[in-house]
PDB file of N, CA and C in Angstrom:
ATOM      1  N   MET A   1     -57.794  42.098 -27.432  1.00  0.00           N
ATOM      2  CA  MET A   1     -59.063  42.415 -27.326  1.00  0.00           C
ATOM      3  C   MET A   1     -59.792  41.184 -26.508  1.00  0.00           C
ATOM      4  N   GLY A   2     -59.522  40.066 -27.117  1.00  0.00           N
ATOM      5  CA  GLY A   2     -60.095  38.940 -26.520  1.00  0.00           C
ATOM      6  C   GLY A   2     -61.477  38.701 -26.653  1.00  0.00           C
ATOM      7  N   ILE A   3     -62.010  37.791 -25.765  1.00  0.00           N
ATOM      8  CA  ILE A   3     -63.423  37.385 -25.692  1.00  0.00           C
ATOM      9  C   ILE A   3     -64.164  38.507 -24.715  1.00  0.00           C
ATOM     10  N   LEU A   4     -65.368  39.007 -24.998  1.00  0.00           N
ATOM     11  CA  LEU A   4     -66.093  39.837 -24.135  1.00  0.00           C
ATOM     12  C   LEU A   4     -67.263  38.988 -23.657  1.00  0.00           C
ATOM     13  N   LEU A   5     -67.369  38.601 -22.460  1.00  0.00           N
ATOM     14  CA  LEU A   5     -68.577  38.126 -21.582  1.00  0.00           C
ATOM     15  C   LEU A   5     -69.396  39.012 -21.223  1.00  0.00           C
ATOM     16  N   THR A   6     -70.766  39.081 -21.575  1.00  0.00           N
ATOM     17  CA  THR A   6     -71.620  40.104 -20.979  1.00  0.00           C
ATOM     18  C   THR A   6     -71.966  39.723 -19.551  1.00  0.00           C
ATOM     19  N   GLU A   7     -72.434  40.639 -18.955  1.00  0.00           N
ATOM     20  CA  GLU A   7     -72.739  40.469 -17.548  1.00  0.00           C
ATOM     21  C   GLU A   7     -73.969  39.358 -17.432  1.00  0.00           C
ATOM     22  N   ARG A   8     -74.897  39.455 -18.335  1.00  0.00           N
ATOM     23  CA  ARG A   8     -75.968  38.468 -18.509  1.00  0.00           C
ATOM     24  C   ARG A   8     -75.549  37.025 -18.740  1.00  0.00           C
ATOM     25  N   ALA A   9     -74.437  36.992 -19.685  1.00  0.00           N
ATOM     26  CA  ALA A   9     -73.860  35.674 -19.896  1.00  0.00           C
ATOM     27  C   ALA A   9     -73.128  35.191 -18.621  1.00  0.00           C
ATOM     28  N   ALA A  10     -72.359  36.169 -17.932  1.00  0.00           N
ATOM     29  CA  ALA A  10     -71.565  35.731 -16.690  1.00  0.00           C
ATOM     30  C   ALA A  10     -72.552  35.245 -15.647  1.00  0.00           C
ATOM     31  N   THR A  11     -73.699  35.891 -15.528  1.00  0.00           N
ATOM     32  CA  THR A  11     -74.700  35.599 -14.556  1.00  0.00           C
ATOM     33  C   THR A  11     -75.112  34.004 -14.808  1.00  0.00           C
ATOM     34  N   GLU A  12     -75.426  33.769 -15.921  1.00  0.00           N
ATOM     35  CA  GLU A  12     -75.746  32.258 -16.280  1.00  0.00           C
ATOM     36  C   GLU A  12     -74.758  31.420 -15.994  1.00  0.00           C
ATOM     37  N   VAL A  13     -73.428  31.734 -16.340  1.00  0.00           N
ATOM     38  CA  VAL A  13     -72.538  30.816 -16.252  1.00  0.00           C
ATOM     39  C   VAL A  13     -72.225  30.484 -14.664  1.00  0.00           C
ATOM     40  N   LYS A  14     -72.372  31.600 -13.756  1.00  0.00           N
ATOM     41  CA  LYS A  14     -72.264  31.177 -12.407  1.00  0.00           C
ATOM     42  C   LYS A  14     -73.402  30.351 -11.986  1.00  0.00           C
ATOM     43  N   LYS A  15     -74.556  30.670 -12.346  1.00  0.00           N
ATOM     44  CA  LYS A  15     -75.764  29.900 -12.100  1.00  0.00           C
ATOM     45  C   LYS A  15     -75.620  28.415 -12.440  1.00  0.00           C
ATOM     46  N   ILE A  16     -75.005  28.128 -13.526  1.00  0.00           N
ATOM     47  CA  ILE A  16     -74.645  26.801 -14.064  1.00  0.00           C
ATOM     48  C   ILE A  16     -73.830  26.140 -13.170  1.00  0.00           C
ATOM     49  N   ILE A  17     -72.648  26.934 -12.792  1.00  0.00           N
ATOM     50  CA  ILE A  17     -71.619  26.233 -12.031  1.00  0.00           C
ATOM     51  C   ILE A  17     -72.165  25.849 -10.613  1.00  0.00           C
ATOM     52  N   ASP A  18     -73.088  26.688  -9.990  1.00  0.00           N
ATOM     53  CA  ASP A  18     -73.660  26.523  -8.774  1.00  0.00           C
ATOM     54  C   ASP A  18     -74.483  25.362  -8.941  1.00  0.00           C
ATOM     55  N   GLU A  19     -75.270  25.355  -9.961  1.00  0.00           N
ATOM     56  CA  GLU A  19     -76.401  24.286 -10.037  1.00  0.00           C
ATOM     57  C   GLU A  19     -75.648  22.792 -10.108  1.00  0.00           C
ATOM     58  N   GLN A  20     -74.758  22.864 -10.816  1.00  0.00           N
ATOM     59  CA  GLN A  20     -73.941  21.524 -11.214  1.00  0.00           C
ATOM     60  C   GLN A  20     -72.986  21.283 -10.080  1.00  0.00           C
ATOM     61  N   LYS A  21     -72.839  22.091  -9.108  1.00  0.00           N
ATOM     62  CA  LYS A  21     -71.841  21.970  -8.008  1.00  0.00           C
ATOM     63  C   LYS A  21     -70.400  21.798  -8.442  1.00  0.00           C
ATOM     64  N   LEU A  22     -69.924  22.507  -9.493  1.00  0.00           N
ATOM     65  CA  LEU A  22     -68.542  22.340  -9.841  1.00  0.00           C
ATOM     66  C   LEU A  22     -67.741  22.804  -8.969  1.00  0.00           C
ATOM     67  N   GLU A  23     -66.511  22.353  -9.058  1.00  0.00           N
ATOM     68  CA  GLU A  23     -65.385  22.710  -8.056  1.00  0.00           C
ATOM     69  C   GLU A  23     -64.926  24.118  -8.141  1.00  0.00           C
ATOM     70  N   ALA A  24     -64.477  24.683  -7.020  1.00  0.00           N
ATOM     71  CA  ALA A  24     -64.027  26.116  -6.906  1.00  0.00           C
ATOM     72  C   ALA A  24     -62.801  26.076  -7.990  1.00  0.00           C
ATOM     73  N   GLY A  25     -62.719  27.272  -8.611  1.00  0.00           N
ATOM     74  CA  GLY A  25     -61.591  27.324  -9.721  1.00  0.00           C
ATOM     75  C   GLY A  25     -61.952  26.867 -10.915  1.00  0.00           C
ATOM     76  N   THR A  26     -63.336  26.452 -11.175  1.00  0.00           N
ATOM     77  CA  THR A  26     -63.666  25.980 -12.410  1.00  0.00           C
ATOM     78  C   THR A  26     -63.854  27.181 -13.463  1.00  0.00           C
ATOM     79  N   VAL A  27     -63.318  27.122 -14.726  1.00  0.00           N
ATOM     80  CA  VAL A  27     -63.252  28.287 -15.675  1.00  0.00           C
ATOM     81  C   VAL A  27     -64.130  27.923 -16.786  1.00  0.00           C
ATOM     82  N   LEU A  28     -64.501  28.983 -17.462  1.00  0.00           N
ATOM     83  CA  LEU A  28     -65.311  29.098 -18.704  1.00  0.00           C
ATOM     84  C   LEU A  28     -64.281  28.932 -19.801  1.00  0.00           C
ATOM     85  N   ARG A  29     -64.281  27.836 -20.596  1.00  0.00           N
ATOM     86  CA  ARG A  29     -63.356  27.755 -21.795  1.00  0.00           C
ATOM     87  C   ARG A  29     -64.294  28.044 -23.017  1.00  0.00           C
ATOM     88  N   VAL A  30     -63.786  29.057 -23.746  1.00  0.00           N
ATOM     89  CA  VAL A  30     -64.447  29.470 -25.138  1.00  0.00           C
ATOM     90  C   VAL A  30     -63.500  28.953 -26.178  1.00  0.00           C
ATOM     91  N   GLY A  31     -63.942  28.200 -27.106  1.00  0.00           N
ATOM     92  CA  GLY A  31     -62.982  27.758 -28.223  1.00  0.00           C
ATOM     93  C   GLY A  31     -63.818  27.674 -29.641  1.00  0.00           C
ATOM     94  N   VAL A  32     -63.011  27.238 -30.475  1.00  0.00           N
ATOM     95  CA  VAL A  32     -63.486  27.019 -31.928  1.00  0.00           C
ATOM     96  C   VAL A  32     -63.146  25.445 -32.202  1.00  0.00           C
ATOM     97  N   THR A  33     -64.145  24.908 -32.684  1.00  0.00           N
ATOM     98  CA  THR A  33     -63.771  23.457 -33.353  1.00  0.00           C
ATOM     99  C   THR A  33     -64.132  23.549 -34.876  1.00  0.00           C
ATOM    100  N   GLY A  34     -63.491  22.495 -35.610  1.00  0.00           N
ATOM    101  CA  GLY A  34     -63.669  22.566 -36.927  1.00  0.00           C
ATOM    102  C   GLY A  34     -65.232  21.754 -37.154  1.00  0.00           C
ATOM    103  N   GLY A  35     -65.936  22.188 -38.090  1.00  0.00           N
ATOM    104  CA  GLY A  35     -67.224  21.570 -38.430  1.00  0.00           C
ATOM    105  C   GLY A  35     -68.429  22.436 -38.475  1.00  0.00           C
ATOM    106  N   GLY A  36     -69.540  22.054 -38.650  1.00  0.00           N
ATOM    107  CA  GLY A  36     -70.672  23.057 -38.589  1.00  0.00           C
ATOM    108  C   GLY A  36     -70.855  23.321 -40.217  1.00  0.00           C
ATOM    109  N   CYS A  37     -71.944  23.896 -40.493  1.00  0.00           N
ATOM    110  CA  CYS A  37     -72.391  24.165 -41.783  1.00  0.00           C
ATOM    111  C   CYS A  37     -71.684  25.215 -42.386  1.00  0.00           C
ATOM    112  N   SER A  38     -70.944  25.996 -41.571  1.00  0.00           N
ATOM    113  CA  SER A  38     -70.067  27.222 -42.172  1.00  0.00           C
ATOM    114  C   SER A  38     -68.593  26.948 -42.087  1.00  0.00           C
ATOM    115  N   GLY A  39     -68.166  25.803 -41.506  1.00  0.00           N
ATOM    116  CA  GLY A  39     -66.735  25.659 -41.319  1.00  0.00           C
ATOM    117  C   GLY A  39     -66.180  25.484 -39.976  1.00  0.00           C
ATOM    118  N   PHE A  40     -66.634  26.364 -39.041  1.00  0.00           N
ATOM    119  CA  PHE A  40     -66.274  26.283 -37.601  1.00  0.00           C
ATOM    120  C   PHE A  40     -67.411  26.397 -36.802  1.00  0.00           C
ATOM    121  N   SER A  41     -67.241  25.797 -35.478  1.00  0.00           N
ATOM    122  CA  SER A  41     -68.427  25.726 -34.628  1.00  0.00           C
ATOM    123  C   SER A  41     -67.825  26.519 -33.187  1.00  0.00           C
ATOM    124  N   TYR A  42     -68.713  27.005 -32.383  1.00  0.00           N
ATOM    125  CA  TYR A  42     -68.307  27.743 -31.273  1.00  0.00           C
ATOM    126  C   TYR A  42     -68.213  26.579 -30.190  1.00  0.00           C
ATOM    127  N   ALA A  43     -67.417  26.671 -29.276  1.00  0.00           N
ATOM    128  CA  ALA A  43     -67.414  25.721 -28.100  1.00  0.00           C
ATOM    129  C   ALA A  43     -67.328  26.225 -26.861  1.00  0.00           C
ATOM    130  N   LEU A  44     -68.282  26.026 -25.926  1.00  0.00           N
ATOM    131  CA  LEU A  44     -68.353  26.530 -24.664  1.00  0.00           C
ATOM    132  C   LEU A  44     -68.396  25.418 -23.716  1.00  0.00           C
ATOM    133  N   GLY A  45     -67.489  25.541 -22.581  1.00  0.00           N
ATOM    134  CA  GLY A  45     -67.332  24.223 -21.644  1.00  0.00           C
ATOM    135  C   GLY A  45     -66.780  24.777 -20.339  1.00  0.00           C
ATOM    136  N   PHE A  46     -66.876  23.866 -19.406  1.00  0.00           N
ATOM    137  CA  PHE A  46     -66.026  24.204 -18.105  1.00  0.00           C
ATOM    138  C   PHE A  46     -64.802  23.296 -18.138  1.00  0.00           C
ATOM    139  N   ASP A  47     -63.840  24.003 -17.410  1.00  0.00           N
ATOM    140  CA  ASP A  47     -62.444  23.310 -17.141  1.00  0.00           C
ATOM    141  C   ASP A  47     -61.914  23.531 -16.138  1.00  0.00           C
ATOM    142  N   LYS A  48     -61.065  22.675 -15.677  1.00  0.00           N
ATOM    143  CA  LYS A  48     -60.213  23.119 -14.211  1.00  0.00           C
ATOM    144  C   LYS A  48     -58.876  23.307 -14.624  1.00  0.00           C
ATOM    145  N   ALA A  49     -58.257  22.787 -15.846  1.00  0.00           N
ATOM    146  CA  ALA A  49     -56.974  23.025 -16.223  1.00  0.00           C
ATOM    147  C   ALA A  49     -56.779  24.255 -17.134  1.00  0.00           C
ATOM    148  N   ILE A  50     -55.657  24.916 -16.829  1.00  0.00           N
ATOM    149  CA  ILE A  50     -55.296  26.119 -17.619  1.00  0.00           C
ATOM    150  C   ILE A  50     -53.843  25.749 -18.071  1.00  0.00           C
ATOM    151  N   ASP A  51     -53.615  25.919 -19.290  1.00  0.00           N
ATOM    152  CA  ASP A  51     -52.229  25.909 -19.814  1.00  0.00           C
ATOM    153  C   ASP A  51     -51.741  27.206 -19.814  1.00  0.00           C
ATOM    154  N   GLU A  52     -50.740  27.550 -19.014  1.00  0.00           N
ATOM    155  CA  GLU A  52     -50.313  29.075 -18.995  1.00  0.00           C
ATOM    156  C   GLU A  52     -49.599  29.360 -20.143  1.00  0.00           C
ATOM    157  N   LYS A  53     -49.120  28.436 -20.953  1.00  0.00           N
ATOM    158  CA  LYS A  53     -48.303  28.740 -22.123  1.00  0.00           C
ATOM    159  C   LYS A  53     -49.213  28.746 -23.455  1.00  0.00           C
ATOM    160  N   ASN A  54     -50.228  28.096 -23.452  1.00  0.00           N
ATOM    161  CA  ASN A  54     -51.225  28.156 -24.585  1.00  0.00           C
ATOM    162  C   ASN A  54     -52.541  28.731 -24.445  1.00  0.00           C
ATOM    163  N   ASP A  55     -52.934  29.050 -23.261  1.00  0.00           N
ATOM    164  CA  ASP A  55     -54.205  29.801 -23.011  1.00  0.00           C
ATOM    165  C   ASP A  55     -54.141  31.428 -22.524  1.00  0.00           C
ATOM    166  N   SER A  56     -55.184  31.981 -22.968  1.00  0.00           N
ATOM    167  CA  SER A  56     -55.163  33.319 -22.581  1.00  0.00           C
ATOM    168  C   SER A  56     -56.292  33.342 -21.660  1.00  0.00           C
ATOM    169  N   LYS A  57     -56.173  34.143 -20.460  1.00  0.00           N
ATOM    170  CA  LYS A  57     -57.058  34.085 -19.416  1.00  0.00           C
ATOM    171  C   LYS A  57     -57.481  35.469 -18.903  1.00  0.00           C
ATOM    172  N   SER A  58     -58.879  35.660 -18.691  1.00  0.00           N
ATOM    173  CA  SER A  58     -59.398  37.050 -18.273  1.00  0.00           C
ATOM    174  C   SER A  58     -60.281  36.738 -17.343  1.00  0.00           C
ATOM    175  N   GLU A  59     -60.596  37.704 -16.459  1.00  0.00           N
ATOM    176  CA  GLU A  59     -61.537  37.937 -15.292  1.00  0.00           C
ATOM    177  C   GLU A  59     -62.638  38.619 -15.819  1.00  0.00           C
ATOM    178  N   GLN A  60     -63.958  38.272 -15.834  1.00  0.00           N
ATOM    179  CA  GLN A  60     -65.088  39.227 -16.535  1.00  0.00           C
ATOM    180  C   GLN A  60     -66.212  38.853 -15.635  1.00  0.00           C
ATOM    181  N   HIS A  61     -66.730  39.806 -14.959  1.00  0.00           N
ATOM    182  CA  HIS A  61     -68.019  39.782 -14.194  1.00  0.00           C
ATOM    183  C   HIS A  61     -67.958  38.588 -13.110  1.00  0.00           C
ATOM    184  N   GLY A  62     -66.598  38.299 -12.531  1.00  0.00           N
ATOM    185  CA  GLY A  62     -66.643  37.303 -11.558  1.00  0.00           C
ATOM    186  C   GLY A  62     -66.535  35.761 -12.173  1.00  0.00           C
ATOM    187  N   VAL A  63     -66.273  35.704 -13.582  1.00  0.00           N
ATOM    188  CA  VAL A  63     -66.089  34.375 -14.154  1.00  0.00           C
ATOM    189  C   VAL A  63     -64.663  34.427 -14.850  1.00  0.00           C
ATOM    190  N   THR A  64     -63.900  33.527 -14.751  1.00  0.00           N
ATOM    191  CA  THR A  64     -62.467  33.312 -15.297  1.00  0.00           C
ATOM    192  C   THR A  64     -62.874  32.701 -16.740  1.00  0.00           C
ATOM    193  N   VAL A  65     -62.471  33.479 -17.792  1.00  0.00           N
ATOM    194  CA  VAL A  65     -62.623  32.981 -19.270  1.00  0.00           C
ATOM    195  C   VAL A  65     -61.377  32.519 -19.798  1.00  0.00           C
ATOM    196  N   VAL A  66     -61.168  31.344 -20.397  1.00  0.00           N
ATOM    197  CA  VAL A  66     -60.076  30.875 -20.899  1.00  0.00           C
ATOM    198  C   VAL A  66     -60.277  30.619 -22.343  1.00  0.00           C
ATOM    199  N   VAL A  67     -59.148  30.911 -23.231  1.00  0.00           N
ATOM    200  CA  VAL A  67     -59.264  30.731 -24.679  1.00  0.00           C
ATOM    201  C   VAL A  67     -57.922  30.271 -25.173  1.00  0.00           C
ATOM    202  N   ASP A  68     -57.860  29.081 -25.881  1.00  0.00           N
ATOM    203  CA  ASP A  68     -56.579  28.526 -26.368  1.00  0.00           C
ATOM    204  C   ASP A  68     -56.045  29.582 -27.482  1.00  0.00           C
ATOM    205  N   LYS A  69     -54.893  29.574 -27.781  1.00  0.00           N
ATOM    206  CA  LYS A  69     -54.300  30.347 -28.767  1.00  0.00           C
ATOM    207  C   LYS A  69     -54.936  30.287 -30.158  1.00  0.00           C
ATOM    208  N   LYS A  70     -54.966  29.039 -30.721  1.00  0.00           N
ATOM    209  CA  LYS A  70     -55.541  28.823 -31.908  1.00  0.00           C
ATOM    210  C   LYS A  70     -56.923  29.292 -32.182  1.00  0.00           C
ATOM    211  N   SER A  71     -57.615  29.114 -31.032  1.00  0.00           N
ATOM    212  CA  SER A  71     -59.270  29.758 -31.141  1.00  0.00           C
ATOM    213  C   SER A  71     -59.191  31.093 -30.944  1.00  0.00           C
ATOM    214  N   ALA A  72     -58.339  31.785 -30.258  1.00  0.00           N
ATOM    215  CA  ALA A  72     -58.138  33.238 -30.148  1.00  0.00           C
ATOM    216  C   ALA A  72     -58.020  34.079 -31.368  1.00  0.00           C
ATOM    217  N   LEU A  73     -57.352  33.267 -32.376  1.00  0.00           N
ATOM    218  CA  LEU A  73     -57.135  34.046 -33.774  1.00  0.00           C
ATOM    219  C   LEU A  73     -58.492  34.142 -34.504  1.00  0.00           C
ATOM    220  N   TYR A  74     -59.568  33.332 -34.188  1.00  0.00           N
ATOM    221  CA  TYR A  74     -60.835  33.462 -34.738  1.00  0.00           C
ATOM    222  C   TYR A  74     -61.872  34.130 -33.897  1.00  0.00           C
ATOM    223  N   LEU A  75     -61.530  34.389 -32.479  1.00  0.00           N
ATOM    224  CA  LEU A  75     -62.505  34.914 -31.530  1.00  0.00           C
ATOM    225  C   LEU A  75     -62.197  36.214 -31.076  1.00  0.00           C
ATOM    226  N   ASP A  76     -60.999  36.690 -31.443  1.00  0.00           N
ATOM    227  CA  ASP A  76     -60.672  37.975 -31.070  1.00  0.00           C
ATOM    228  C   ASP A  76     -61.802  39.110 -31.312  1.00  0.00           C
ATOM    229  N   GLY A  77     -62.287  39.782 -30.348  1.00  0.00           N
ATOM    230  CA  GLY A  77     -63.266  40.613 -30.347  1.00  0.00           C
ATOM    231  C   GLY A  77     -64.831  40.242 -30.214  1.00  0.00           C
ATOM    232  N   THR A  78     -64.941  38.702 -30.166  1.00  0.00           N
ATOM    233  CA  THR A  78     -66.219  38.202 -29.945  1.00  0.00           C
ATOM    234  C   THR A  78     -66.946  38.410 -28.677  1.00  0.00           C
ATOM    235  N   SER A  79     -68.088  38.697 -28.644  1.00  0.00           N
ATOM    236  CA  SER A  79     -68.972  38.884 -27.541  1.00  0.00           C
ATOM    237  C   SER A  79     -69.863  37.715 -27.238  1.00  0.00           C
ATOM    238  N   VAL A  80     -69.746  37.232 -26.065  1.00  0.00           N
ATOM    239  CA  VAL A  80     -70.679  36.051 -25.737  1.00  0.00           C
ATOM    240  C   VAL A  80     -71.773  36.618 -24.797  1.00  0.00           C
ATOM    241  N   ASP A  81     -72.956  36.545 -25.280  1.00  0.00           N
ATOM    242  CA  ASP A  81     -74.181  36.846 -24.616  1.00  0.00           C
ATOM    243  C   ASP A  81     -74.912  35.800 -24.077  1.00  0.00           C
ATOM    244  N   PHE A  82     -76.036  35.956 -23.336  1.00  0.00           N
ATOM    245  CA  PHE A  82     -77.168  35.006 -22.989  1.00  0.00           C
ATOM    246  C   PHE A  82     -78.451  35.452 -23.275  1.00  0.00           C
ATOM    247  N   HIS A  83     -79.282  34.669 -23.926  1.00  0.00           N
ATOM    248  CA  HIS A  83     -80.591  35.214 -24.301  1.00  0.00           C
ATOM    249  C   HIS A  83     -81.660  34.227 -23.549  1.00  0.00           C
ATOM    250  N   ASP A  84     -82.622  34.692 -22.789  1.00  0.00           N
ATOM    251  CA  ASP A  84     -83.669  33.957 -22.326  1.00  0.00           C
ATOM    252  C   ASP A  84     -85.018  34.524 -22.677  1.00  0.00           C
ATOM    253  N   GLY A  85     -85.546  34.295 -23.864  1.00  0.00           N
ATOM    254  CA  GLY A  85     -86.725  34.881 -24.497  1.00  0.00           C
ATOM    255  C   GLY A  85     -87.503  33.816 -24.956  1.00  0.00           C
ATOM    256  N   LEU A  86     -88.689  34.075 -25.490  1.00  0.00           N
ATOM    257  CA  LEU A  86     -89.628  33.287 -26.375  1.00  0.00           C
ATOM    258  C   LEU A  86     -88.958  32.838 -27.667  1.00  0.00           C
ATOM    259  N   GLU A  87     -88.395  33.803 -28.370  1.00  0.00           N
ATOM    260  CA  GLU A  87     -87.796  33.364 -29.704  1.00  0.00           C
ATOM    261  C   GLU A  87     -86.403  32.574 -29.489  1.00  0.00           C
ATOM    262  N   LYS A  88     -85.630  32.775 -28.544  1.00  0.00           N
ATOM    263  CA  LYS A  88     -84.527  32.052 -28.504  1.00  0.00           C
ATOM    264  C   LYS A  88     -84.046  31.949 -26.859  1.00  0.00           C
ATOM    265  N   ARG A  89     -83.398  30.981 -26.577  1.00  0.00           N
ATOM    266  CA  ARG A  89     -82.762  30.730 -25.192  1.00  0.00           C
ATOM    267  C   ARG A  89     -81.376  30.095 -25.388  1.00  0.00           C
ATOM    268  N   GLY A  90     -80.461  30.808 -24.877  1.00  0.00           N
ATOM    269  CA  GLY A  90     -79.050  30.101 -24.895  1.00  0.00           C
ATOM    270  C   GLY A  90     -78.131  31.172 -25.237  1.00  0.00           C
ATOM    271  N   PHE A  91     -76.944  30.725 -25.132  1.00  0.00           N
ATOM    272  CA  PHE A  91     -75.529  31.526 -25.399  1.00  0.00           C
ATOM    273  C   PHE A  91     -75.593  31.978 -26.817  1.00  0.00           C
ATOM    274  N   THR A  92     -75.139  33.229 -27.067  1.00  0.00           N
ATOM    275  CA  THR A  92     -75.056  33.694 -28.574  1.00  0.00           C
ATOM    276  C   THR A  92     -73.643  34.193 -28.779  1.00  0.00           C
ATOM    277  N   PHE A  93     -73.117  34.291 -29.851  1.00  0.00           N
ATOM    278  CA  PHE A  93     -71.898  34.819 -30.204  1.00  0.00           C
ATOM    279  C   PHE A  93     -71.906  35.931 -31.245  1.00  0.00           C
ATOM    280  N   GLU A  94     -71.250  37.103 -31.059  1.00  0.00           N
ATOM    281  CA  GLU A  94     -71.354  38.094 -31.880  1.00  0.00           C
ATOM    282  C   GLU A  94     -69.869  38.273 -32.287  1.00  0.00           C
ATOM    283  N   ASN A  95     -69.456  37.835 -33.461  1.00  0.00           N
ATOM    284  CA  ASN A  95     -67.978  37.617 -33.806  1.00  0.00           C
ATOM    285  C   ASN A  95     -67.918  38.483 -35.103  1.00  0.00           C
ATOM    286  N   PRO A  96     -66.842  39.626 -34.892  1.00  0.00           N
ATOM    287  CA  PRO A  96     -66.571  40.402 -35.881  1.00  0.00           C
ATOM    288  C   PRO A  96     -65.689  39.898 -36.953  1.00  0.00           C
ATOM    289  N   ASN A  97     -65.129  38.652 -36.670  1.00  0.00           N
ATOM    290  CA  ASN A  97     -64.340  38.058 -37.702  1.00  0.00           C
ATOM    291  C   ASN A  97     -65.003  37.109 -38.643  1.00  0.00           C
ATOM    292  N   ALA A  98     -66.222  36.754 -38.280  1.00  0.00           N
ATOM    293  CA  ALA A  98     -67.153  35.873 -39.179  1.00  0.00           C
ATOM    294  C   ALA A  98     -67.502  36.588 -40.496  1.00  0.00           C
ATOM    295  N   VAL A  99     -67.058  35.980 -41.562  1.00  0.00           N
ATOM    296  CA  VAL A  99     -67.538  36.594 -42.817  1.00  0.00           C
ATOM    297  C   VAL A  99     -68.800  35.903 -43.230  1.00  0.00           C
ATOM    298  N   LYS A 100     -69.156  34.797 -42.696  1.00  0.00           N
ATOM    299  CA  LYS A 100     -70.294  34.151 -43.153  1.00  0.00           C
ATOM    300  C   LYS A 100     -70.782  33.257 -41.883  1.00  0.00           C
ATOM    301  N   SER A 101     -72.057  33.150 -41.499  1.00  0.00           N
ATOM    302  CA  SER A 101     -72.392  32.324 -40.584  1.00  0.00           C
ATOM    303  C   SER A 101     -73.788  31.630 -40.851  1.00  0.00           C
ATOM    304  N   CYS A 102     -74.203  30.550 -40.251  1.00  0.00           N
ATOM    305  CA  CYS A 102     -75.312  29.787 -40.516  1.00  0.00           C
ATOM    306  C   CYS A 102     -76.609  30.478 -39.949  1.00  0.00           C
ATOM    307  N   GLY A 103     -77.625  29.958 -40.189  1.00  0.00           N
ATOM    308  CA  GLY A 103     -78.878  30.554 -39.739  1.00  0.00           C
ATOM    309  C   GLY A 103     -79.005  30.241 -38.107  1.00  0.00           C
ATOM    310  N   CYS A 104     -78.412  29.165 -37.826  1.00  0.00           N
ATOM    311  CA  CYS A 104     -78.639  28.701 -36.266  1.00  0.00           C
ATOM    312  C   CYS A 104     -77.731  29.492 -35.388  1.00  0.00           C
ATOM    313  N   GLY A 105     -76.716  30.242 -35.997  1.00  0.00           N
ATOM    314  CA  GLY A 105     -75.736  31.005 -35.151  1.00  0.00           C
ATOM    315  C   GLY A 105     -74.602  30.219 -34.483  1.00  0.00           C
ATOM    316  N   SER A 106     -74.597  28.926 -34.836  1.00  0.00           N
ATOM    317  CA  SER A 106     -73.482  28.128 -33.864  1.00  0.00           C
ATOM    318  C   SER A 106     -72.419  27.792 -34.804  1.00  0.00           C
ATOM    319  N   SER A 107     -72.460  28.226 -35.987  1.00  0.00           N
ATOM    320  CA  SER A 107     -70.999  28.055 -36.881  1.00  0.00           C
ATOM    321  C   SER A 107     -70.876  29.223 -37.745  1.00  0.00           C
ATOM    322  N   PHE A 108     -69.589  29.271 -38.178  1.00  0.00           N
ATOM    323  CA  PHE A 108     -69.223  30.373 -38.966  1.00  0.00           C
ATOM    324  C   PHE A 108     -68.036  30.025 -39.818  1.00  0.00           C
ATOM    325  N   GLN A 109     -67.769  31.132 -40.643  1.00  0.00           N
ATOM    326  CA  GLN A 109     -66.623  30.960 -41.579  1.00  0.00           C
ATOM    327  C   GLN A 109     -65.902  32.207 -41.391  1.00  0.00           C
ATOM    328  N   ALA A 110     -64.330  31.982 -41.281  1.00  0.00           N
ATOM    329  CA  ALA A 110     -63.730  33.222 -40.961  1.00  0.00           C
ATOM    330  C   ALA A 110     -62.695  33.445 -42.178  1.00  0.00           C
TER     331      ALA A 110
END
């Protein structure tokens, strides 16, 4: 199943790539790092390098999304969206594997 990037999130990613004048072939890397108040934190970033052996890659709404194998275990089925409203602004994660998450939504426990 992998990571699901919404069209709204993809539009924001393309906008950031354009505004920051990142190189052609830049990918969105989604991952998990240790830490945060619930044990794991979500990581979003841009990368040019893809490890064909350890990364899974998908094309979604014109954005190449890359996830390393370790993170994929915790992120399978996760939806990444973007909100731009009065109550919140930024990328959000809807993770079916999270058994507990913090109030800020940036860390979780699996």
